[in-house]
Amino acid sequence: MPRLATRREFFRFPYPVTTNAVLAIDGTNYKVAEISEGGLRIITGVGRFAVDSTLQGTLTLTMGLRCQVTGKVLRIDGDCFVVKLDAGPTCYDVIREQRHINKSFPDWKPQPV
């Protein structure tokens, strides 16, 4: 079996600086910097949620798709926090979102990590 260069369980898709998905929790909107079927990296609202707190809300992708998400705050990284999802977008939803962003921003390419 071939070995992967990274040990990530899910494909992560970062958003361009000019657009983001939005996570709505109790009437407050939070910008999403990265999305995967297993988690979200959220760049606004740091300090509002403690590590291990449970979140439930509606994720609106840039292509207009809305899905219910539930998860737990995994860690806080500087100016963002990471949520591990129990329920959220499917792999197909993430790929469709990537296609939509690539079509909307043809010159934008994610920066290598």
N, C-alpha and C. Protein backbone atom coordinates (compact mmCIF):
# COMPACT_ATOMS: atom_id res chain seq x y z
N MET A 1 0.84 -1.17 0.00
CA MET A 1 0.00 0.00 0.00
C MET A 1 0.89 1.25 0.00
N PRO A 2 0.60 2.24 -0.88
CA PRO A 2 1.44 3.43 -0.94
C PRO A 2 1.24 4.31 0.28
N ARG A 3 2.30 5.01 0.65
CA ARG A 3 2.23 5.92 1.80
C ARG A 3 1.95 7.33 1.30
N LEU A 4 1.13 8.05 2.00
CA LEU A 4 0.81 9.42 1.64
C LEU A 4 1.85 10.37 2.22
N ALA A 5 2.01 11.53 1.58
CA ALA A 5 2.96 12.52 2.07
C ALA A 5 2.49 13.16 3.38
N THR A 6 1.17 13.23 3.57
CA THR A 6 0.63 13.77 4.81
C THR A 6 -0.24 12.71 5.46
N ARG A 7 -0.54 12.90 6.73
CA ARG A 7 -1.35 11.92 7.44
C ARG A 7 -2.75 12.44 7.68
N ARG A 8 -3.19 13.38 6.90
CA ARG A 8 -4.53 13.93 7.06
C ARG A 8 -5.56 12.89 6.64
N GLU A 9 -6.61 12.82 7.44
CA GLU A 9 -7.67 11.85 7.15
C GLU A 9 -8.57 12.35 6.03
N PHE A 10 -8.80 13.67 5.96
CA PHE A 10 -9.71 14.24 4.99
C PHE A 10 -9.00 15.31 4.17
N PHE A 11 -9.43 15.47 2.91
CA PHE A 11 -8.95 16.54 2.05
C PHE A 11 -9.46 17.86 2.61
N ARG A 12 -8.57 18.84 2.76
CA ARG A 12 -8.94 20.16 3.24
C ARG A 12 -8.86 21.16 2.11
N PHE A 13 -9.88 21.99 2.01
CA PHE A 13 -9.91 23.01 0.97
C PHE A 13 -9.87 24.40 1.61
N PRO A 14 -8.79 25.17 1.39
CA PRO A 14 -8.71 26.53 1.92
C PRO A 14 -9.44 27.50 0.99
N TYR A 15 -10.04 28.53 1.56
CA TYR A 15 -10.74 29.55 0.78
C TYR A 15 -9.80 30.69 0.44
N PRO A 16 -10.06 31.38 -0.70
CA PRO A 16 -9.31 32.61 -0.99
C PRO A 16 -9.64 33.67 0.07
N VAL A 17 -8.80 34.66 0.19
CA VAL A 17 -8.98 35.72 1.19
C VAL A 17 -10.27 36.49 0.91
N THR A 18 -10.67 36.61 -0.34
CA THR A 18 -11.81 37.45 -0.71
C THR A 18 -13.17 36.80 -0.51
N THR A 19 -13.24 35.51 -0.25
CA THR A 19 -14.53 34.85 -0.07
C THR A 19 -14.39 33.72 0.95
N ASN A 20 -15.47 33.43 1.64
CA ASN A 20 -15.47 32.37 2.65
C ASN A 20 -16.84 31.75 2.75
N ALA A 21 -16.88 30.53 3.25
CA ALA A 21 -18.14 29.94 3.69
C ALA A 21 -18.48 30.60 5.02
N VAL A 22 -19.73 30.49 5.44
CA VAL A 22 -20.18 31.13 6.67
C VAL A 22 -20.87 30.09 7.55
N LEU A 23 -20.48 30.06 8.81
CA LEU A 23 -21.12 29.20 9.79
C LEU A 23 -21.98 30.07 10.70
N ALA A 24 -23.30 29.82 10.71
CA ALA A 24 -24.23 30.59 11.54
C ALA A 24 -24.57 29.77 12.79
N ILE A 25 -24.27 30.36 13.96
CA ILE A 25 -24.58 29.72 15.23
C ILE A 25 -25.33 30.73 16.08
N ASP A 26 -26.56 30.40 16.42
CA ASP A 26 -27.40 31.27 17.27
C ASP A 26 -27.45 32.72 16.78
N GLY A 27 -27.61 32.90 15.48
CA GLY A 27 -27.75 34.24 14.91
C GLY A 27 -26.46 34.98 14.66
N THR A 28 -25.31 34.38 14.99
CA THR A 28 -24.01 35.01 14.75
C THR A 28 -23.30 34.27 13.62
N ASN A 29 -22.73 35.03 12.68
CA ASN A 29 -22.02 34.44 11.53
C ASN A 29 -20.52 34.44 11.78
N TYR A 30 -19.89 33.31 11.43
CA TYR A 30 -18.45 33.13 11.57
C TYR A 30 -17.88 32.76 10.21
N LYS A 31 -16.74 33.39 9.84
CA LYS A 31 -16.08 33.09 8.57
C LYS A 31 -15.29 31.80 8.68
N VAL A 32 -15.39 30.98 7.63
CA VAL A 32 -14.69 29.69 7.58
C VAL A 32 -13.51 29.84 6.63
N ALA A 33 -12.30 29.51 7.11
CA ALA A 33 -11.09 29.63 6.29
C ALA A 33 -10.80 28.36 5.52
N GLU A 34 -11.09 27.19 6.11
CA GLU A 34 -10.86 25.90 5.46
C GLU A 34 -12.03 24.99 5.77
N ILE A 35 -12.29 24.11 4.82
CA ILE A 35 -13.40 23.19 4.98
C ILE A 35 -12.96 21.79 4.58
N SER A 36 -13.47 20.80 5.28
CA SER A 36 -13.31 19.41 4.90
C SER A 36 -14.55 18.68 5.38
N GLU A 37 -14.70 17.43 4.99
CA GLU A 37 -15.87 16.70 5.45
C GLU A 37 -15.74 16.34 6.93
N GLY A 38 -14.56 16.49 7.50
CA GLY A 38 -14.34 16.14 8.90
C GLY A 38 -14.10 17.31 9.82
N GLY A 39 -14.01 18.55 9.26
CA GLY A 39 -13.73 19.67 10.14
C GLY A 39 -13.78 21.01 9.44
N LEU A 40 -13.70 22.06 10.25
CA LEU A 40 -13.69 23.44 9.77
C LEU A 40 -12.61 24.21 10.51
N ARG A 41 -12.00 25.16 9.82
CA ARG A 41 -11.11 26.14 10.46
C ARG A 41 -11.82 27.47 10.36
N ILE A 42 -12.14 28.06 11.50
CA ILE A 42 -12.94 29.27 11.55
C ILE A 42 -12.05 30.43 12.00
N ILE A 43 -12.13 31.56 11.26
CA ILE A 43 -11.19 32.65 11.49
C ILE A 43 -11.78 33.82 12.27
N THR A 44 -13.05 33.76 12.62
CA THR A 44 -13.63 34.81 13.45
C THR A 44 -14.27 34.16 14.68
N GLY A 45 -14.37 34.90 15.73
CA GLY A 45 -15.02 34.38 16.92
C GLY A 45 -14.09 33.70 17.90
N VAL A 46 -12.78 33.92 17.76
CA VAL A 46 -11.83 33.33 18.69
C VAL A 46 -12.12 33.86 20.10
N GLY A 47 -12.11 32.98 21.06
CA GLY A 47 -12.39 33.37 22.43
C GLY A 47 -13.84 33.20 22.82
N ARG A 48 -14.71 32.99 21.85
CA ARG A 48 -16.12 32.79 22.14
C ARG A 48 -16.42 31.36 22.56
N PHE A 49 -15.60 30.44 22.11
CA PHE A 49 -15.82 29.03 22.40
C PHE A 49 -14.58 28.44 23.06
N ALA A 50 -14.80 27.63 24.06
CA ALA A 50 -13.69 26.97 24.75
C ALA A 50 -13.38 25.65 24.05
N VAL A 51 -12.17 25.16 24.24
CA VAL A 51 -11.80 23.85 23.71
C VAL A 51 -12.74 22.81 24.32
N ASP A 52 -13.17 21.86 23.52
CA ASP A 52 -14.11 20.79 23.86
C ASP A 52 -15.56 21.24 23.96
N SER A 53 -15.87 22.50 23.64
CA SER A 53 -17.28 22.91 23.64
C SER A 53 -17.95 22.41 22.36
N THR A 54 -19.22 22.07 22.48
CA THR A 54 -19.98 21.53 21.35
C THR A 54 -20.65 22.67 20.60
N LEU A 55 -20.59 22.62 19.26
CA LEU A 55 -21.20 23.62 18.40
C LEU A 55 -22.25 22.97 17.52
N GLN A 56 -23.29 23.73 17.22
CA GLN A 56 -24.32 23.28 16.30
C GLN A 56 -24.80 24.49 15.53
N GLY A 57 -24.84 24.39 14.20
CA GLY A 57 -25.25 25.54 13.40
C GLY A 57 -25.48 25.16 11.96
N THR A 58 -25.59 26.19 11.12
CA THR A 58 -25.82 26.01 9.70
C THR A 58 -24.63 26.55 8.93
N LEU A 59 -24.04 25.70 8.10
CA LEU A 59 -22.92 26.09 7.25
C LEU A 59 -23.46 26.44 5.87
N THR A 60 -23.13 27.64 5.39
CA THR A 60 -23.53 28.07 4.05
C THR A 60 -22.27 28.18 3.21
N LEU A 61 -22.18 27.35 2.19
CA LEU A 61 -21.03 27.36 1.29
C LEU A 61 -21.19 28.47 0.27
N THR A 62 -20.11 28.85 -0.40
CA THR A 62 -20.16 29.95 -1.36
C THR A 62 -21.05 29.63 -2.55
N MET A 63 -21.25 28.37 -2.85
CA MET A 63 -22.11 28.00 -3.98
C MET A 63 -23.58 28.02 -3.59
N GLY A 64 -23.89 28.34 -2.32
CA GLY A 64 -25.27 28.47 -1.87
C GLY A 64 -25.81 27.27 -1.10
N LEU A 65 -25.08 26.17 -1.07
CA LEU A 65 -25.54 24.98 -0.36
C LEU A 65 -25.50 25.24 1.14
N ARG A 66 -26.56 24.83 1.83
CA ARG A 66 -26.62 24.93 3.29
C ARG A 66 -26.70 23.54 3.88
N CYS A 67 -25.97 23.32 4.97
CA CYS A 67 -26.05 22.04 5.65
C CYS A 67 -25.91 22.26 7.15
N GLN A 68 -26.56 21.41 7.90
CA GLN A 68 -26.48 21.46 9.35
C GLN A 68 -25.17 20.82 9.79
N VAL A 69 -24.48 21.44 10.72
CA VAL A 69 -23.23 20.89 11.23
C VAL A 69 -23.30 20.80 12.76
N THR A 70 -22.67 19.76 13.26
CA THR A 70 -22.47 19.63 14.70
C THR A 70 -21.03 19.17 14.90
N GLY A 71 -20.41 19.66 15.93
CA GLY A 71 -19.03 19.27 16.17
C GLY A 71 -18.53 19.83 17.48
N LYS A 72 -17.25 19.62 17.70
CA LYS A 72 -16.61 20.00 18.95
C LYS A 72 -15.36 20.80 18.62
N VAL A 73 -15.09 21.86 19.40
CA VAL A 73 -13.89 22.66 19.22
C VAL A 73 -12.69 21.80 19.62
N LEU A 74 -11.83 21.55 18.64
CA LEU A 74 -10.67 20.69 18.85
C LEU A 74 -9.50 21.46 19.44
N ARG A 75 -9.22 22.64 18.87
CA ARG A 75 -8.09 23.44 19.36
C ARG A 75 -8.25 24.88 18.88
N ILE A 76 -7.47 25.76 19.50
CA ILE A 76 -7.43 27.16 19.11
C ILE A 76 -6.02 27.44 18.62
N ASP A 77 -5.91 27.92 17.38
CA ASP A 77 -4.62 28.23 16.75
C ASP A 77 -4.52 29.72 16.49
N GLY A 78 -3.96 30.45 17.41
CA GLY A 78 -3.77 31.88 17.21
C GLY A 78 -5.06 32.62 16.97
N ASP A 79 -5.28 33.06 15.71
CA ASP A 79 -6.46 33.85 15.38
C ASP A 79 -7.60 33.01 14.80
N CYS A 80 -7.56 31.70 14.94
CA CYS A 80 -8.63 30.85 14.44
C CYS A 80 -8.84 29.66 15.37
N PHE A 81 -9.96 28.99 15.19
CA PHE A 81 -10.18 27.77 15.95
C PHE A 81 -10.65 26.66 15.02
N VAL A 82 -10.36 25.43 15.40
CA VAL A 82 -10.62 24.27 14.57
C VAL A 82 -11.74 23.46 15.21
N VAL A 83 -12.72 23.09 14.37
CA VAL A 83 -13.87 22.32 14.83
C VAL A 83 -13.82 20.96 14.15
N LYS A 84 -13.86 19.90 14.94
CA LYS A 84 -13.96 18.54 14.41
C LYS A 84 -15.44 18.22 14.31
N LEU A 85 -15.89 17.90 13.09
CA LEU A 85 -17.31 17.71 12.85
C LEU A 85 -17.77 16.28 13.10
N ASP A 86 -18.93 16.17 13.73
CA ASP A 86 -19.62 14.89 13.83
C ASP A 86 -20.58 14.73 12.66
N ALA A 87 -21.16 15.84 12.21
CA ALA A 87 -22.04 15.86 11.04
C ALA A 87 -21.78 17.16 10.31
N GLY A 88 -21.80 17.10 8.99
CA GLY A 88 -21.53 18.29 8.20
C GLY A 88 -21.54 17.98 6.72
N PRO A 89 -20.75 18.74 5.94
CA PRO A 89 -20.74 18.53 4.49
C PRO A 89 -20.12 17.18 4.13
N THR A 90 -20.59 16.63 3.03
CA THR A 90 -20.03 15.37 2.53
C THR A 90 -18.79 15.66 1.69
N CYS A 91 -18.08 14.63 1.35
CA CYS A 91 -16.91 14.77 0.46
C CYS A 91 -17.34 15.36 -0.88
N TYR A 92 -18.49 14.93 -1.37
CA TYR A 92 -19.02 15.44 -2.62
C TYR A 92 -19.30 16.94 -2.52
N ASP A 93 -19.83 17.39 -1.39
CA ASP A 93 -20.09 18.82 -1.19
C ASP A 93 -18.80 19.63 -1.22
N VAL A 94 -17.75 19.11 -0.60
CA VAL A 94 -16.45 19.80 -0.57
C VAL A 94 -15.86 19.89 -1.97
N ILE A 95 -15.98 18.83 -2.74
CA ILE A 95 -15.46 18.84 -4.12
C ILE A 95 -16.26 19.81 -4.99
N ARG A 96 -17.57 19.83 -4.82
CA ARG A 96 -18.41 20.79 -5.57
C ARG A 96 -18.05 22.22 -5.20
N GLU A 97 -17.77 22.46 -3.92
CA GLU A 97 -17.37 23.80 -3.47
C GLU A 97 -16.02 24.18 -4.10
N GLN A 98 -15.09 23.23 -4.16
CA GLN A 98 -13.80 23.49 -4.78
C GLN A 98 -13.98 23.85 -6.26
N ARG A 99 -14.82 23.13 -6.96
CA ARG A 99 -15.08 23.44 -8.38
C ARG A 99 -15.68 24.83 -8.53
N HIS A 100 -16.61 25.17 -7.64
CA HIS A 100 -17.24 26.48 -7.70
C HIS A 100 -16.21 27.60 -7.50
N ILE A 101 -15.35 27.45 -6.50
CA ILE A 101 -14.31 28.46 -6.23
C ILE A 101 -13.34 28.54 -7.42
N ASN A 102 -12.94 27.40 -7.96
CA ASN A 102 -12.02 27.40 -9.11
C ASN A 102 -12.64 28.07 -10.32
N LYS A 103 -13.94 27.94 -10.49
CA LYS A 103 -14.62 28.58 -11.61
C LYS A 103 -14.77 30.09 -11.35
N SER A 104 -15.05 30.47 -10.11
CA SER A 104 -15.23 31.88 -9.76
C SER A 104 -13.91 32.64 -9.70
N PHE A 105 -12.83 31.97 -9.29
CA PHE A 105 -11.51 32.59 -9.16
C PHE A 105 -10.49 31.74 -9.92
N PRO A 106 -10.48 31.80 -11.25
CA PRO A 106 -9.63 30.89 -12.04
C PRO A 106 -8.13 31.07 -11.82
N ASP A 107 -7.70 32.26 -11.40
CA ASP A 107 -6.26 32.50 -11.20
C ASP A 107 -5.79 32.18 -9.78
N TRP A 108 -6.71 31.90 -8.87
CA TRP A 108 -6.34 31.63 -7.47
C TRP A 108 -5.94 30.18 -7.29
N LYS A 109 -4.84 29.96 -6.61
CA LYS A 109 -4.39 28.61 -6.28
C LYS A 109 -4.01 28.59 -4.80
N PRO A 110 -4.40 27.53 -4.07
CA PRO A 110 -4.02 27.45 -2.65
C PRO A 110 -2.50 27.43 -2.49
N GLN A 111 -2.03 28.06 -1.43
CA GLN A 111 -0.60 28.06 -1.14
C GLN A 111 -0.21 26.74 -0.51
N PRO A 112 0.92 26.15 -0.93
CA PRO A 112 1.34 24.89 -0.30
C PRO A 112 1.67 25.10 1.18
N VAL A 113 1.39 24.08 1.97
CA VAL A 113 1.62 24.17 3.42
C VAL A 113 3.03 23.82 3.75
